[in-house]
Amino acid sequence: MDVKSAFLNGLLNEEVYVSQPPRFENIKYPDHIYKLKRALYGLKQAPRAWYERLSKFLLEKGFSRGNVDNTLFNKRKGKYILLVQVYVDDINFGSTNDIMYQEFSKLMEGEFEMSLMGELTFFLGLQIKQTCDDICLSQTNYALKLLKKFDMQDCKSISTPMAFALSINKDEFSIEVDGKKYRGMISSLLYLTASRPDIMFSV
């Protein structure tokens, strides 16, 4: 589900003023400015204002916010559950009950202007394949992009991704490591462990 012009739904709690946009100046009052009632794209308060509006709406409709992930909401009805994951203007949701699924879709379309994007197949580097029996997650494309980004696509692969019994000493003569590049590699690898827990210890 994609929210159209999501940030424009955010209500501002503080006073924010902007100058008159080019070609929309008021001829009678050229020196006047506008007071915003809602957030605009480019405004630093916009993402927070949108999230506050959306989360308040969901909580009022009986959802609970996740304790670990504040962008994950859930709603239970007997043995059934509806999960909603918010990422900026994208809302992924699924339920163990078709009626709850349909009700949520209508609820959101009644409050916000949005479009249904269909079954989730790709999200934040995760490839998702759903069948009747299971859901498979993969980061194959993400991993290939990492290899290309860090110029390692021609490296030799090994079955054990970590060497054993190494004696590590300071290397006085090698080229200094690029700290920014190294941190980028590690954070990218950490994200890869979402679907590859077998490399978590090595990373």
C-alpha atoms as a PDB file:
ATOM      1  CA  MET A   1       0.000   0.000   0.000  1.00  0.00           C
ATOM      2  CA  ASP A   2       1.468   3.346  -1.054  1.00  0.00           C
ATOM      3  CA  VAL A   3       0.307   6.606   0.544  1.00  0.00           C
ATOM      4  CA  LYS A   4       0.048   9.399  -2.018  1.00  0.00           C
ATOM      5  CA  SER A   5       1.735  12.643  -0.911  1.00  0.00           C
ATOM      6  CA  ALA A   6       2.201  11.133   2.553  1.00  0.00           C
ATOM      7  CA  PHE A   7       3.985  14.086   4.153  1.00  0.00           C
ATOM      8  CA  LEU A   8       1.148  16.439   3.221  1.00  0.00           C
ATOM      9  CA  ASN A   9      -1.024  14.476   5.675  1.00  0.00           C
ATOM     10  CA  GLY A  10       1.156  15.545   8.601  1.00  0.00           C
ATOM     11  CA  LEU A  11      -0.347  18.134  10.945  1.00  0.00           C
ATOM     12  CA  LEU A  12       2.072  20.671  12.429  1.00  0.00           C
ATOM     13  CA  ASN A  13       2.158  21.294  16.182  1.00  0.00           C
ATOM     14  CA  GLU A  14       4.472  24.297  15.931  1.00  0.00           C
ATOM     15  CA  GLU A  15       4.207  27.525  13.950  1.00  0.00           C
ATOM     16  CA  VAL A  16       5.983  27.333  10.592  1.00  0.00           C
ATOM     17  CA  TYR A  17       6.062  30.156   8.045  1.00  0.00           C
ATOM     18  CA  VAL A  18       7.191  30.180   4.410  1.00  0.00           C
ATOM     19  CA  SER A  19       7.694  32.924   1.903  1.00  0.00           C
ATOM     20  CA  GLN A  20       5.360  33.220  -1.062  1.00  0.00           C
ATOM     21  CA  PRO A  21       6.333  30.717  -3.763  1.00  0.00           C
ATOM     22  CA  PRO A  22       7.486  32.097  -7.138  1.00  0.00           C
ATOM     23  CA  ARG A  23       4.585  32.864  -9.531  1.00  0.00           C
ATOM     24  CA  PHE A  24       2.092  32.563  -6.641  1.00  0.00           C
ATOM     25  CA  GLU A  25       2.781  35.936  -5.046  1.00  0.00           C
ATOM     26  CA  ASN A  26      -0.164  37.993  -3.839  1.00  0.00           C
ATOM     27  CA  ILE A  27      -0.027  41.286  -5.740  1.00  0.00           C
ATOM     28  CA  LYS A  28      -1.832  43.192  -2.951  1.00  0.00           C
ATOM     29  CA  TYR A  29       0.447  41.840  -0.200  1.00  0.00           C
ATOM     30  CA  PRO A  30       3.837  41.029  -1.781  1.00  0.00           C
ATOM     31  CA  ASP A  31       5.655  41.218   1.587  1.00  0.00           C
ATOM     32  CA  HIS A  32       3.330  38.797   3.415  1.00  0.00           C
ATOM     33  CA  ILE A  33       4.270  35.205   4.278  1.00  0.00           C
ATOM     34  CA  TYR A  34       2.215  32.020   4.669  1.00  0.00           C
ATOM     35  CA  LYS A  35       1.570  30.129   7.882  1.00  0.00           C
ATOM     36  CA  LEU A  36       1.517  26.368   7.251  1.00  0.00           C
ATOM     37  CA  LYS A  37      -1.257  24.188   8.639  1.00  0.00           C
ATOM     38  CA  ARG A  38       0.196  20.993   7.215  1.00  0.00           C
ATOM     39  CA  ALA A  39       3.680  19.699   6.505  1.00  0.00           C
ATOM     40  CA  LEU A  40       5.374  20.149   3.143  1.00  0.00           C
ATOM     41  CA  TYR A  41       8.009  18.001   1.475  1.00  0.00           C
ATOM     42  CA  GLY A  42      11.450  19.339   2.378  1.00  0.00           C
ATOM     43  CA  LEU A  43      10.306  20.513   5.810  1.00  0.00           C
ATOM     44  CA  LYS A  44      12.387  18.850   8.531  1.00  0.00           C
ATOM     45  CA  GLN A  45       9.261  18.283  10.656  1.00  0.00           C
ATOM     46  CA  ALA A  46       7.431  16.520   7.790  1.00  0.00           C
ATOM     47  CA  PRO A  47       8.421  12.871   8.453  1.00  0.00           C
ATOM     48  CA  ARG A  48       7.710  13.171  12.195  1.00  0.00           C
ATOM     49  CA  ALA A  49       4.386  14.945  11.635  1.00  0.00           C
ATOM     50  CA  TRP A  50       3.253  12.258   9.156  1.00  0.00           C
ATOM     51  CA  TYR A  51       4.270   9.396  11.439  1.00  0.00           C
ATOM     52  CA  GLU A  52       2.521  11.004  14.437  1.00  0.00           C
ATOM     53  CA  ARG A  53      -0.689  11.429  12.439  1.00  0.00           C
ATOM     54  CA  LEU A  54      -0.617   7.849  11.149  1.00  0.00           C
ATOM     55  CA  SER A  55       0.328   6.235  14.477  1.00  0.00           C
ATOM     56  CA  LYS A  56      -2.342   8.218  16.346  1.00  0.00           C
ATOM     57  CA  PHE A  57      -4.934   7.064  13.800  1.00  0.00           C
ATOM     58  CA  LEU A  58      -3.892   3.390  14.101  1.00  0.00           C
ATOM     59  CA  LEU A  59      -3.820   3.477  17.915  1.00  0.00           C
ATOM     60  CA  GLU A  60      -7.313   5.011  17.973  1.00  0.00           C
ATOM     61  CA  LYS A  61      -8.509   2.114  15.783  1.00  0.00           C
ATOM     62  CA  GLY A  62      -7.377  -0.486  18.320  1.00  0.00           C
ATOM     63  CA  PHE A  63      -3.852  -1.256  17.106  1.00  0.00           C
ATOM     64  CA  SER A  64      -0.903  -1.825  19.431  1.00  0.00           C
ATOM     65  CA  ARG A  65       2.553  -0.440  18.693  1.00  0.00           C
ATOM     66  CA  GLY A  66       5.547  -2.792  18.773  1.00  0.00           C
ATOM     67  CA  ASN A  67       7.862  -2.521  21.786  1.00  0.00           C
ATOM     68  CA  VAL A  68      11.053  -3.130  19.802  1.00  0.00           C
ATOM     69  CA  ASP A  69      10.048  -1.644  16.436  1.00  0.00           C
ATOM     70  CA  ASN A  70       7.903   1.492  16.763  1.00  0.00           C
ATOM     71  CA  THR A  71       6.874   1.271  13.111  1.00  0.00           C
ATOM     72  CA  LEU A  72       5.271  -2.159  13.562  1.00  0.00           C
ATOM     73  CA  PHE A  73       1.605  -2.234  14.611  1.00  0.00           C
ATOM     74  CA  ASN A  74      -0.617  -5.208  15.333  1.00  0.00           C
ATOM     75  CA  LYS A  75      -4.244  -5.912  16.044  1.00  0.00           C
ATOM     76  CA  ARG A  76      -5.705  -9.130  17.432  1.00  0.00           C
ATOM     77  CA  LYS A  77      -9.214 -10.489  17.083  1.00  0.00           C
ATOM     78  CA  GLY A  78      -9.544 -13.849  18.814  1.00  0.00           C
ATOM     79  CA  LYS A  79      -6.979 -16.205  17.307  1.00  0.00           C
ATOM     80  CA  TYR A  80      -6.377 -13.935  14.305  1.00  0.00           C
ATOM     81  CA  ILE A  81      -3.770 -11.195  13.937  1.00  0.00           C
ATOM     82  CA  LEU A  82      -3.197  -8.281  11.569  1.00  0.00           C
ATOM     83  CA  LEU A  83       0.342  -6.906  11.208  1.00  0.00           C
ATOM     84  CA  VAL A  84       1.138  -3.472   9.760  1.00  0.00           C
ATOM     85  CA  GLN A  85       4.691  -2.329   8.970  1.00  0.00           C
ATOM     86  CA  VAL A  86       5.214   1.364   8.147  1.00  0.00           C
ATOM     87  CA  TYR A  87       8.209   2.616   6.149  1.00  0.00           C
ATOM     88  CA  VAL A  88       7.887   6.317   5.307  1.00  0.00           C
ATOM     89  CA  ASP A  89       5.016   6.302   2.768  1.00  0.00           C
ATOM     90  CA  ASP A  90       4.908   2.530   2.232  1.00  0.00           C
ATOM     91  CA  ILE A  91       2.627   0.402   4.410  1.00  0.00           C
ATOM     92  CA  ASN A  92       3.010  -3.356   4.282  1.00  0.00           C
ATOM     93  CA  PHE A  93       0.296  -5.374   5.954  1.00  0.00           C
ATOM     94  CA  GLY A  94      -0.895  -8.929   6.228  1.00  0.00           C
ATOM     95  CA  SER A  95      -3.343 -10.940   8.261  1.00  0.00           C
ATOM     96  CA  THR A  96      -4.237 -14.500   9.153  1.00  0.00           C
ATOM     97  CA  ASN A  97      -7.840 -13.538   8.414  1.00  0.00           C
ATOM     98  CA  ASP A  98      -9.169 -12.268   5.054  1.00  0.00           C
ATOM     99  CA  ILE A  99     -11.920 -10.171   6.656  1.00  0.00           C
ATOM    100  CA  MET A 100      -9.416  -8.278   8.859  1.00  0.00           C
ATOM    101  CA  TYR A 101      -7.290  -7.721   5.749  1.00  0.00           C
ATOM    102  CA  GLN A 102     -10.203  -6.245   3.787  1.00  0.00           C
ATOM    103  CA  GLU A 103     -11.375  -4.113   6.736  1.00  0.00           C
ATOM    104  CA  PHE A 104      -7.915  -2.588   7.154  1.00  0.00           C
ATOM    105  CA  SER A 105      -7.652  -1.817   3.459  1.00  0.00           C
ATOM    106  CA  LYS A 106     -11.017   0.014   3.506  1.00  0.00           C
ATOM    107  CA  LEU A 107     -10.146   1.785   6.763  1.00  0.00           C
ATOM    108  CA  MET A 108      -6.919   3.233   5.343  1.00  0.00           C
ATOM    109  CA  GLU A 109      -8.430   4.205   1.994  1.00  0.00           C
ATOM    110  CA  GLY A 110     -11.219   6.015   3.868  1.00  0.00           C
ATOM    111  CA  GLU A 111      -8.728   8.140   5.836  1.00  0.00           C
ATOM    112  CA  PHE A 112      -5.832   8.654   3.395  1.00  0.00           C
ATOM    113  CA  GLU A 113      -5.432   8.792  -0.363  1.00  0.00           C
ATOM    114  CA  MET A 114      -3.569   5.611  -1.214  1.00  0.00           C
ATOM    115  CA  SER A 115      -3.150   2.869  -3.755  1.00  0.00           C
ATOM    116  CA  LEU A 116      -2.853  -0.883  -3.257  1.00  0.00           C
ATOM    117  CA  MET A 117       0.347  -2.201  -4.809  1.00  0.00           C
ATOM    118  CA  GLY A 118      -0.546  -5.906  -4.700  1.00  0.00           C
ATOM    119  CA  GLU A 119       1.327  -8.763  -3.103  1.00  0.00           C
ATOM    120  CA  LEU A 120       4.668  -7.850  -1.523  1.00  0.00           C
ATOM    121  CA  THR A 121       7.579  -9.130  -3.624  1.00  0.00           C
ATOM    122  CA  PHE A 122      10.415  -6.707  -2.791  1.00  0.00           C
ATOM    123  CA  PHE A 123      11.051  -4.509   0.243  1.00  0.00           C
ATOM    124  CA  LEU A 124      14.245  -2.747   1.399  1.00  0.00           C
ATOM    125  CA  GLY A 125      16.575  -5.197  -0.350  1.00  0.00           C
ATOM    126  CA  LEU A 126      14.527  -8.234   0.673  1.00  0.00           C
ATOM    127  CA  GLN A 127      13.004 -10.391  -2.040  1.00  0.00           C
ATOM    128  CA  ILE A 128       9.806 -12.058  -0.839  1.00  0.00           C
ATOM    129  CA  LYS A 129       8.264 -15.113  -2.457  1.00  0.00           C
ATOM    130  CA  GLN A 130       4.939 -16.311  -1.071  1.00  0.00           C
ATOM    131  CA  THR A 131       3.269 -19.657  -1.675  1.00  0.00           C
ATOM    132  CA  CYS A 132       0.232 -21.326  -0.104  1.00  0.00           C
ATOM    133  CA  ASP A 133       2.434 -23.058   2.474  1.00  0.00           C
ATOM    134  CA  ASP A 134       5.286 -20.685   3.248  1.00  0.00           C
ATOM    135  CA  ILE A 135       7.072 -17.372   2.719  1.00  0.00           C
ATOM    136  CA  CYS A 136      10.684 -17.295   1.505  1.00  0.00           C
ATOM    137  CA  LEU A 137      13.000 -14.321   2.088  1.00  0.00           C
ATOM    138  CA  SER A 138      16.099 -13.757   0.006  1.00  0.00           C
ATOM    139  CA  GLN A 139      18.697 -11.012  -0.429  1.00  0.00           C
ATOM    140  CA  THR A 140      20.402 -12.379  -3.529  1.00  0.00           C
ATOM    141  CA  ASN A 141      20.210  -9.111  -5.512  1.00  0.00           C
ATOM    142  CA  TYR A 142      21.340  -7.137  -2.442  1.00  0.00           C
ATOM    143  CA  ALA A 143      24.346  -9.461  -1.961  1.00  0.00           C
ATOM    144  CA  LEU A 144      25.330  -9.175  -5.634  1.00  0.00           C
ATOM    145  CA  LYS A 145      25.127  -5.372  -5.426  1.00  0.00           C
ATOM    146  CA  LEU A 146      27.391  -5.462  -2.358  1.00  0.00           C
ATOM    147  CA  LEU A 147      30.002  -7.533  -4.173  1.00  0.00           C
ATOM    148  CA  LYS A 148      29.953  -5.093  -7.084  1.00  0.00           C
ATOM    149  CA  LYS A 149      29.971  -1.997  -4.833  1.00  0.00           C
ATOM    150  CA  PHE A 150      33.057  -3.160  -2.926  1.00  0.00           C
ATOM    151  CA  ASP A 151      34.761  -4.606  -6.044  1.00  0.00           C
ATOM    152  CA  MET A 152      34.674  -8.210  -4.791  1.00  0.00           C
ATOM    153  CA  GLN A 153      32.660  -9.927  -7.555  1.00  0.00           C
ATOM    154  CA  ASP A 154      35.754 -11.869  -8.712  1.00  0.00           C
ATOM    155  CA  CYS A 155      36.825 -13.065  -5.255  1.00  0.00           C
ATOM    156  CA  LYS A 156      37.100 -16.797  -4.583  1.00  0.00           C
ATOM    157  CA  SER A 157      34.278 -18.169  -2.445  1.00  0.00           C
ATOM    158  CA  ILE A 158      34.895 -20.556   0.452  1.00  0.00           C
ATOM    159  CA  SER A 159      32.562 -22.860   2.347  1.00  0.00           C
ATOM    160  CA  THR A 160      33.571 -21.520   5.785  1.00  0.00           C
ATOM    161  CA  PRO A 161      33.247 -17.707   5.791  1.00  0.00           C
ATOM    162  CA  MET A 162      35.794 -17.239   8.587  1.00  0.00           C
ATOM    163  CA  ALA A 163      39.388 -18.343   9.119  1.00  0.00           C
ATOM    164  CA  PHE A 164      40.340 -20.388  12.190  1.00  0.00           C
ATOM    165  CA  ALA A 165      43.219 -19.999  14.684  1.00  0.00           C
ATOM    166  CA  LEU A 166      44.610 -16.756  13.313  1.00  0.00           C
ATOM    167  CA  SER A 167      47.357 -14.893  15.118  1.00  0.00           C
ATOM    168  CA  ILE A 168      46.526 -11.233  14.587  1.00  0.00           C
ATOM    169  CA  ASN A 169      49.354  -8.683  14.784  1.00  0.00           C
ATOM    170  CA  LYS A 170      49.601  -5.046  13.860  1.00  0.00           C
ATOM    171  CA  ASP A 171      50.702  -4.584  10.239  1.00  0.00           C
ATOM    172  CA  GLU A 172      53.105  -1.654  10.161  1.00  0.00           C
ATOM    173  CA  PHE A 173      53.686  -1.659   6.403  1.00  0.00           C
ATOM    174  CA  SER A 174      50.294  -2.115   4.698  1.00  0.00           C
ATOM    175  CA  ILE A 175      48.229   0.674   3.199  1.00  0.00           C
ATOM    176  CA  GLU A 176      46.002   2.382   5.752  1.00  0.00           C
ATOM    177  CA  VAL A 177      42.420   1.113   5.774  1.00  0.00           C
ATOM    178  CA  ASP A 178      39.695   3.503   4.597  1.00  0.00           C
ATOM    179  CA  GLY A 179      37.572   3.718   7.754  1.00  0.00           C
ATOM    180  CA  LYS A 180      34.471   4.988   5.940  1.00  0.00           C
ATOM    181  CA  LYS A 181      34.587   2.166   3.399  1.00  0.00           C
ATOM    182  CA  TYR A 182      35.199  -0.425   6.133  1.00  0.00           C
ATOM    183  CA  ARG A 183      32.220   0.775   8.205  1.00  0.00           C
ATOM    184  CA  GLY A 184      30.087   0.739   5.048  1.00  0.00           C
ATOM    185  CA  MET A 185      31.048  -2.874   4.358  1.00  0.00           C
ATOM    186  CA  ILE A 186      30.301  -4.000   7.920  1.00  0.00           C
ATOM    187  CA  SER A 187      26.923  -2.242   8.126  1.00  0.00           C
ATOM    188  CA  SER A 188      25.970  -3.679   4.707  1.00  0.00           C
ATOM    189  CA  LEU A 189      26.959  -7.175   5.852  1.00  0.00           C
ATOM    190  CA  LEU A 190      25.002  -6.757   9.084  1.00  0.00           C
ATOM    191  CA  TYR A 191      21.885  -5.993   7.045  1.00  0.00           C
ATOM    192  CA  LEU A 192      22.560  -9.102   4.966  1.00  0.00           C
ATOM    193  CA  THR A 193      22.232 -11.249   8.106  1.00  0.00           C
ATOM    194  CA  ALA A 194      18.465 -10.563   8.032  1.00  0.00           C
ATOM    195  CA  SER A 195      18.153 -13.511   5.663  1.00  0.00           C
ATOM    196  CA  ARG A 196      21.557 -15.112   6.282  1.00  0.00           C
ATOM    197  CA  PRO A 197      21.871 -15.772  10.050  1.00  0.00           C
ATOM    198  CA  ASP A 198      24.615 -18.318   9.279  1.00  0.00           C
ATOM    199  CA  ILE A 199      27.097 -15.469   8.617  1.00  0.00           C
ATOM    200  CA  MET A 200      26.127 -13.400  11.677  1.00  0.00           C
ATOM    201  CA  PHE A 201      28.997 -14.609  13.896  1.00  0.00           C
ATOM    202  CA  SER A 202      31.541 -14.018  11.143  1.00  0.00           C
ATOM    203  CA  VAL A 203      30.247 -10.507  10.487  1.00  0.00           C
END
